[in-house]
Amino acid sequence: YTAGNSYVTINTAGTYEVTFNVAYTTVTARWNGILKIYKGTGGAAPSSWIGYGAGKMGYVRNSTGHNEASLIVTCLVTCSANDTIGGHVAREAANGTCTLVANETFMTIKRMS
């Protein structure tokens, strides 16, 4: 694969195990993160949710010191050469933003076949 700023480009067709781990902080009370894996085709930026692999368990209470959470998603993705894969973090419930934690947010890709 070839790593870009916000996604990777798959160089060899196959089935890949893709894992995203996102750790974040927020000062917004009742912020609930959602992590989805997206895929693009033909070199285009990832824009289509692959339809599975959504993490929705990143609730932050922001009370008595609870202002961190994480999301992890692993799934199998079938790719052609030049497809792209990326992750997207969004929110449910309360409005607000989050800050990703350096060295605790990562993506791994393993070719299975």
Protein backbone atom coordinates (compact mmCIF):
# COMPACT_ATOMS: atom_id res chain seq x y z
CA TYR A 1 0.00 0.00 0.00
CA THR A 2 0.92 3.66 -0.26
CA ALA A 3 0.20 5.90 2.72
CA GLY A 4 -1.27 9.36 2.17
CA ASN A 5 -2.22 12.11 4.60
CA SER A 6 -5.72 10.83 5.30
CA TYR A 7 -6.00 7.44 3.60
CA VAL A 8 -3.99 4.62 2.03
CA THR A 9 -3.97 3.41 -1.55
CA ILE A 10 -3.98 -0.36 -2.07
CA ASN A 11 -1.39 -1.42 -4.66
CA THR A 12 -2.28 -5.12 -4.91
CA ALA A 13 -5.80 -6.52 -5.28
CA GLY A 14 -6.93 -8.81 -2.47
CA THR A 15 -8.82 -9.11 0.78
CA TYR A 16 -7.42 -7.03 3.62
CA GLU A 17 -8.03 -7.00 7.35
CA VAL A 18 -8.32 -3.32 8.25
CA THR A 19 -8.22 -2.04 11.84
CA PHE A 20 -8.69 1.53 13.00
CA ASN A 21 -8.06 2.56 16.60
CA VAL A 22 -9.01 6.14 17.43
CA ALA A 23 -8.35 7.64 20.87
CA TYR A 24 -9.68 11.13 21.58
CA THR A 25 -10.50 13.73 24.18
CA THR A 26 -13.33 16.24 24.29
CA VAL A 27 -14.69 18.87 26.64
CA THR A 28 -18.23 18.35 25.32
CA ALA A 29 -20.51 16.58 27.78
CA ARG A 30 -22.23 13.45 26.46
CA TRP A 31 -20.21 13.35 23.24
CA ASN A 32 -20.53 9.95 21.53
CA GLY A 33 -18.08 9.11 18.76
CA ILE A 34 -18.75 6.96 15.71
CA LEU A 35 -15.95 5.41 13.63
CA LYS A 36 -16.61 4.10 10.13
CA ILE A 37 -14.30 2.66 7.50
CA TYR A 38 -14.65 4.11 4.02
CA LYS A 39 -13.45 2.88 0.62
CA GLY A 40 -12.76 4.67 -2.64
CA THR A 41 -12.22 3.15 -6.06
CA GLY A 42 -9.82 3.95 -8.86
CA GLY A 43 -7.60 6.20 -6.77
CA ALA A 44 -10.42 8.48 -5.61
CA ALA A 45 -10.47 9.57 -1.97
CA PRO A 46 -12.52 7.21 0.24
CA SER A 47 -16.12 8.39 0.06
CA SER A 48 -18.35 5.32 0.37
CA TRP A 49 -19.01 3.69 3.71
CA ILE A 50 -18.32 -0.01 3.15
CA GLY A 51 -21.55 -0.91 4.95
CA TYR A 52 -20.06 -2.65 7.95
CA GLY A 53 -17.39 -2.02 10.51
CA ALA A 54 -18.92 0.87 12.45
CA GLY A 55 -17.84 1.54 16.02
CA LYS A 56 -20.37 3.44 18.15
CA MET A 57 -19.12 2.96 21.68
CA GLY A 58 -17.03 6.08 22.26
CA TYR A 59 -19.18 7.86 24.85
CA VAL A 60 -17.61 10.67 26.88
CA ARG A 61 -19.45 11.89 29.98
CA ASN A 62 -17.08 14.84 30.61
CA SER A 63 -17.79 14.74 34.34
CA THR A 64 -15.35 14.21 37.21
CA GLY A 65 -12.42 13.75 34.87
CA HIS A 66 -13.99 11.45 32.26
CA ASN A 67 -13.04 13.24 29.05
CA GLU A 68 -11.32 10.49 27.01
CA ALA A 69 -12.61 7.58 24.96
CA SER A 70 -11.58 5.35 22.10
CA LEU A 71 -13.13 3.49 19.21
CA ILE A 72 -11.80 0.40 17.45
CA VAL A 73 -13.12 -1.27 14.32
CA THR A 74 -11.77 -4.28 12.45
CA CYS A 75 -13.24 -5.70 9.25
CA LEU A 76 -12.34 -7.46 6.01
CA VAL A 77 -12.32 -5.32 2.88
CA THR A 78 -11.99 -6.67 -0.67
CA CYS A 79 -9.98 -4.26 -2.78
CA SER A 80 -8.83 -3.87 -6.35
CA ALA A 81 -5.48 -2.30 -7.15
CA ASN A 82 -5.63 1.50 -6.71
CA ASP A 83 -8.60 1.41 -4.29
CA THR A 84 -8.30 3.61 -1.22
CA ILE A 85 -9.21 3.00 2.43
CA GLY A 86 -9.73 5.58 5.16
CA GLY A 87 -11.54 6.10 8.44
CA HIS A 88 -14.02 8.77 9.48
CA VAL A 89 -14.92 9.87 13.00
CA ALA A 90 -18.26 11.58 13.51
CA ARG A 91 -20.47 12.25 16.51
CA GLU A 92 -23.90 11.29 17.78
CA ALA A 93 -25.85 13.19 20.39
CA ALA A 94 -24.16 16.36 21.73
CA ASN A 95 -22.62 18.93 19.39
CA GLY A 96 -18.92 19.59 19.78
CA THR A 97 -15.50 18.49 18.61
CA CYS A 98 -12.86 16.01 19.68
CA THR A 99 -9.08 15.96 19.56
CA LEU A 100 -7.28 12.81 18.46
CA VAL A 101 -4.58 11.57 20.84
CA ALA A 102 -1.16 11.27 19.19
CA ASN A 103 0.51 7.83 19.31
CA GLU A 104 -2.80 6.20 20.35
CA THR A 105 -4.64 6.67 17.05
CA PHE A 106 -3.60 4.32 14.27
CA MET A 107 -4.61 2.14 11.33
CA THR A 108 -3.29 -1.31 10.46
CA ILE A 109 -3.77 -3.19 7.21
CA LYS A 110 -3.00 -6.89 6.75
CA ARG A 111 -3.36 -8.65 3.40
CA MET A 112 -5.27 -11.89 3.94
CA SER A 113 -5.45 -13.17 0.34
